[in-house]
N, C-alpha and C. Protein backbone atom coordinates (compact mmCIF):
# COMPACT_ATOMS: atom_id res chain seq x y z
N UNK A 1 116.53 75.19 -103.26
CA UNK A 1 116.42 76.53 -103.80
C UNK A 1 117.32 77.47 -103.03
N UNK A 2 117.80 78.42 -103.77
CA UNK A 2 118.66 79.41 -103.13
C UNK A 2 117.79 80.52 -102.58
N UNK A 3 118.28 81.23 -101.62
CA UNK A 3 117.53 82.30 -100.97
C UNK A 3 117.20 83.43 -101.93
N UNK A 4 118.11 83.92 -102.78
CA UNK A 4 117.73 84.99 -103.70
C UNK A 4 116.65 84.56 -104.68
N UNK A 5 116.67 83.30 -105.13
CA UNK A 5 115.66 82.81 -106.06
C UNK A 5 114.29 82.73 -105.38
N UNK A 6 114.24 82.28 -104.13
CA UNK A 6 113.00 82.21 -103.36
C UNK A 6 112.45 83.61 -103.11
N UNK A 7 113.34 84.53 -102.79
CA UNK A 7 112.93 85.92 -102.55
C UNK A 7 112.35 86.53 -103.83
N UNK A 8 112.95 86.27 -104.97
CA UNK A 8 112.47 86.81 -106.25
C UNK A 8 111.09 86.24 -106.57
N UNK A 9 110.87 84.97 -106.28
CA UNK A 9 109.56 84.37 -106.54
C UNK A 9 108.49 84.99 -105.63
N UNK A 10 108.84 85.24 -104.39
CA UNK A 10 107.88 85.85 -103.46
C UNK A 10 107.54 87.28 -103.89
N UNK A 11 108.53 88.01 -104.33
CA UNK A 11 108.30 89.38 -104.80
C UNK A 11 107.41 89.34 -106.04
N UNK A 12 107.70 88.42 -106.95
CA UNK A 12 106.90 88.30 -108.16
C UNK A 12 105.45 87.92 -107.82
N UNK A 13 105.26 86.96 -106.92
CA UNK A 13 103.91 86.53 -106.53
C UNK A 13 103.15 87.67 -105.85
N UNK A 14 103.84 88.43 -105.01
CA UNK A 14 103.20 89.57 -104.34
C UNK A 14 102.82 90.64 -105.34
N UNK A 15 103.70 90.93 -106.28
CA UNK A 15 103.41 91.93 -107.31
C UNK A 15 102.24 91.48 -108.18
N UNK A 16 102.21 90.21 -108.53
CA UNK A 16 101.12 89.68 -109.33
C UNK A 16 99.79 89.78 -108.58
N UNK A 17 99.79 89.49 -107.29
CA UNK A 17 98.57 89.59 -106.49
C UNK A 17 98.11 91.05 -106.41
N UNK A 18 99.04 91.98 -106.28
CA UNK A 18 98.68 93.41 -106.23
C UNK A 18 98.08 93.86 -107.55
N UNK A 19 98.66 93.43 -108.66
CA UNK A 19 98.13 93.80 -109.97
C UNK A 19 96.73 93.23 -110.15
N UNK A 20 96.51 91.98 -109.75
CA UNK A 20 95.19 91.37 -109.87
C UNK A 20 94.17 92.10 -109.01
N UNK A 21 94.55 92.47 -107.79
CA UNK A 21 93.64 93.19 -106.91
C UNK A 21 93.33 94.57 -107.48
N UNK A 22 94.33 95.27 -107.98
CA UNK A 22 94.13 96.59 -108.57
C UNK A 22 93.21 96.51 -109.78
N UNK A 23 93.42 95.48 -110.61
CA UNK A 23 92.58 95.31 -111.80
C UNK A 23 91.12 95.07 -111.42
N UNK A 24 90.88 94.26 -110.40
CA UNK A 24 89.49 94.01 -110.00
C UNK A 24 88.85 95.26 -109.41
N UNK A 25 89.61 96.07 -108.70
CA UNK A 25 89.08 97.32 -108.15
C UNK A 25 88.71 98.28 -109.27
N UNK A 26 89.60 98.43 -110.25
CA UNK A 26 89.35 99.34 -111.37
C UNK A 26 88.15 98.89 -112.18
N UNK A 27 88.05 97.59 -112.49
CA UNK A 27 86.92 97.12 -113.28
C UNK A 27 85.62 97.24 -112.49
N UNK A 28 85.67 97.07 -111.18
CA UNK A 28 84.48 97.25 -110.36
C UNK A 28 84.01 98.69 -110.37
N UNK A 29 84.95 99.64 -110.34
CA UNK A 29 84.58 101.05 -110.40
C UNK A 29 83.99 101.40 -111.75
N UNK A 30 84.51 100.81 -112.82
CA UNK A 30 83.96 101.07 -114.15
C UNK A 30 82.53 100.55 -114.25
N UNK A 31 82.27 99.37 -113.68
CA UNK A 31 80.91 98.82 -113.69
C UNK A 31 79.96 99.71 -112.90
N UNK A 32 80.42 100.23 -111.76
CA UNK A 32 79.58 101.12 -110.97
C UNK A 32 79.30 102.41 -111.72
N UNK A 33 80.29 102.92 -112.45
CA UNK A 33 80.10 104.14 -113.23
C UNK A 33 79.09 103.91 -114.34
N UNK A 34 79.14 102.75 -114.98
CA UNK A 34 78.17 102.43 -116.03
C UNK A 34 76.77 102.33 -115.45
N UNK A 35 76.65 101.69 -114.29
CA UNK A 35 75.33 101.57 -113.65
C UNK A 35 74.80 102.94 -113.28
N UNK A 36 75.66 103.83 -112.79
CA UNK A 36 75.25 105.18 -112.43
C UNK A 36 74.79 105.94 -113.67
N UNK A 37 75.51 105.79 -114.78
CA UNK A 37 75.13 106.47 -116.02
C UNK A 37 73.76 105.99 -116.50
N UNK A 38 73.51 104.69 -116.40
CA UNK A 38 72.22 104.15 -116.84
C UNK A 38 71.10 104.64 -115.94
N UNK A 39 71.37 104.80 -114.65
CA UNK A 39 70.35 105.25 -113.71
C UNK A 39 70.08 106.74 -113.85
N UNK A 40 71.00 107.49 -114.44
CA UNK A 40 70.86 108.93 -114.56
C UNK A 40 70.19 109.35 -115.86
N UNK A 41 69.46 108.45 -116.52
CA UNK A 41 68.76 108.83 -117.74
C UNK A 41 67.75 109.92 -117.41
N UNK A 42 67.59 110.84 -118.32
CA UNK A 42 66.70 111.98 -118.10
C UNK A 42 65.51 111.86 -119.03
N UNK A 43 64.34 112.04 -118.48
CA UNK A 43 63.11 112.06 -119.27
C UNK A 43 62.56 113.47 -119.21
N UNK A 44 62.37 114.07 -120.36
CA UNK A 44 61.82 115.42 -120.42
C UNK A 44 60.41 115.37 -120.98
N UNK A 45 59.51 116.06 -120.30
CA UNK A 45 58.11 116.09 -120.71
C UNK A 45 57.65 117.53 -120.74
N UNK A 46 57.00 117.92 -121.82
CA UNK A 46 56.43 119.26 -121.91
C UNK A 46 54.96 119.20 -121.54
N UNK A 47 54.55 120.11 -120.68
CA UNK A 47 53.13 120.20 -120.31
C UNK A 47 52.71 121.66 -120.33
N UNK A 48 51.44 121.86 -120.48
CA UNK A 48 50.89 123.20 -120.41
C UNK A 48 49.76 123.19 -119.40
N UNK A 49 49.82 124.11 -118.46
CA UNK A 49 48.75 124.26 -117.49
C UNK A 49 48.15 125.63 -117.70
N UNK A 50 46.90 125.64 -118.06
CA UNK A 50 46.20 126.90 -118.28
C UNK A 50 45.08 126.97 -117.27
N UNK A 51 45.13 128.00 -116.44
CA UNK A 51 44.08 128.20 -115.46
C UNK A 51 43.18 129.32 -115.94
N UNK A 52 41.90 129.05 -115.90
CA UNK A 52 40.95 130.04 -116.38
C UNK A 52 39.69 129.97 -115.53
N UNK A 53 39.21 131.11 -115.11
CA UNK A 53 37.95 131.15 -114.39
C UNK A 53 36.83 131.37 -115.39
N UNK A 54 35.79 130.57 -115.26
CA UNK A 54 34.67 130.64 -116.19
C UNK A 54 33.40 130.86 -115.38
N UNK A 55 32.60 131.77 -115.83
CA UNK A 55 31.30 132.01 -115.22
C UNK A 55 30.22 131.70 -116.25
N UNK A 56 29.27 130.87 -115.86
CA UNK A 56 28.19 130.50 -116.77
C UNK A 56 26.91 131.19 -116.31
N UNK A 57 26.29 131.89 -117.24
CA UNK A 57 25.04 132.60 -116.97
C UNK A 57 23.94 132.04 -117.86
N UNK A 58 22.73 132.03 -117.34
CA UNK A 58 21.60 131.63 -118.18
C UNK A 58 21.10 132.84 -118.98
N UNK A 59 20.03 132.67 -119.73
CA UNK A 59 19.53 133.75 -120.59
C UNK A 59 19.04 134.96 -119.79
N UNK A 60 18.68 134.74 -118.54
CA UNK A 60 18.23 135.84 -117.70
C UNK A 60 19.39 136.51 -116.96
N UNK A 61 20.63 136.03 -117.17
CA UNK A 61 21.81 136.62 -116.54
C UNK A 61 22.08 136.09 -115.14
N UNK A 62 21.46 135.00 -114.78
CA UNK A 62 21.69 134.42 -113.45
C UNK A 62 22.79 133.35 -113.54
N UNK A 63 23.54 133.21 -112.43
CA UNK A 63 24.60 132.21 -112.38
C UNK A 63 24.01 130.81 -112.48
N UNK A 64 24.70 129.95 -113.23
CA UNK A 64 24.33 128.54 -113.31
C UNK A 64 25.33 127.77 -112.47
N UNK A 65 24.84 127.09 -111.45
CA UNK A 65 25.72 126.36 -110.54
C UNK A 65 25.55 124.86 -110.73
N UNK A 66 26.54 124.10 -110.24
CA UNK A 66 26.44 122.64 -110.22
C UNK A 66 26.72 121.96 -111.55
N UNK A 67 27.35 122.66 -112.47
CA UNK A 67 27.68 122.03 -113.75
C UNK A 67 28.81 121.03 -113.56
N UNK A 68 28.78 119.95 -114.32
CA UNK A 68 29.80 118.90 -114.24
C UNK A 68 30.75 119.04 -115.43
N UNK A 69 31.98 118.50 -115.30
CA UNK A 69 32.96 118.63 -116.39
C UNK A 69 32.46 118.12 -117.74
N UNK A 70 31.66 117.08 -117.73
CA UNK A 70 31.18 116.54 -119.01
C UNK A 70 30.15 117.46 -119.68
N UNK A 71 29.72 118.50 -118.98
CA UNK A 71 28.77 119.45 -119.55
C UNK A 71 29.48 120.64 -120.21
N UNK A 72 30.81 120.61 -120.22
CA UNK A 72 31.60 121.69 -120.83
C UNK A 72 32.29 121.18 -122.08
N UNK A 73 32.58 122.11 -122.96
CA UNK A 73 33.42 121.80 -124.12
C UNK A 73 34.42 122.93 -124.25
N UNK A 74 35.68 122.58 -124.26
CA UNK A 74 36.75 123.56 -124.39
C UNK A 74 37.28 123.50 -125.81
N UNK A 75 37.38 124.65 -126.44
CA UNK A 75 37.89 124.72 -127.82
C UNK A 75 39.02 125.73 -127.88
N UNK A 76 40.07 125.36 -128.61
CA UNK A 76 41.19 126.26 -128.87
C UNK A 76 41.33 126.34 -130.38
N UNK A 77 41.26 127.53 -130.92
CA UNK A 77 41.29 127.74 -132.37
C UNK A 77 40.21 126.91 -133.07
N UNK A 78 39.06 126.79 -132.43
CA UNK A 78 37.94 126.07 -133.02
C UNK A 78 38.02 124.56 -132.91
N UNK A 79 39.09 124.04 -132.30
CA UNK A 79 39.25 122.59 -132.18
C UNK A 79 39.03 122.17 -130.73
N UNK A 80 38.28 121.09 -130.49
CA UNK A 80 38.04 120.64 -129.12
C UNK A 80 39.34 120.18 -128.45
N UNK A 81 39.48 120.55 -127.19
CA UNK A 81 40.66 120.19 -126.39
C UNK A 81 40.15 119.55 -125.10
N UNK A 82 40.81 118.47 -124.68
CA UNK A 82 40.41 117.83 -123.42
C UNK A 82 41.00 118.60 -122.25
N UNK A 83 40.27 118.65 -121.16
CA UNK A 83 40.80 119.26 -119.95
C UNK A 83 40.70 118.24 -118.83
N UNK A 84 41.56 118.42 -117.83
CA UNK A 84 41.69 117.36 -116.84
C UNK A 84 40.98 117.64 -115.53
N UNK A 85 40.72 118.88 -115.18
CA UNK A 85 40.10 119.11 -113.88
C UNK A 85 39.27 120.38 -113.89
N UNK A 86 38.32 120.37 -113.00
CA UNK A 86 37.51 121.57 -112.75
C UNK A 86 37.35 121.69 -111.25
N UNK A 87 37.11 122.89 -110.79
CA UNK A 87 36.94 123.09 -109.35
C UNK A 87 35.52 123.50 -109.05
């Protein structure tokens, strides 16, 4: 082999290796970007928190203490609504 021909083959092999390395880097970055996009999914939830103080009196006007949540019924527009906590 002649020296210029050997030099041209080495340059070609080096360029080919650089292109292959660059291609693998770019495709790896694209895969990471896709994984990041999938992890960044957004879930939106609407909630309503209504705080209300309630006082329960008996027929004589005295406070009734010690009532449990199952002893209450909450209605909005005449329809029963579930509530999650009482203090």
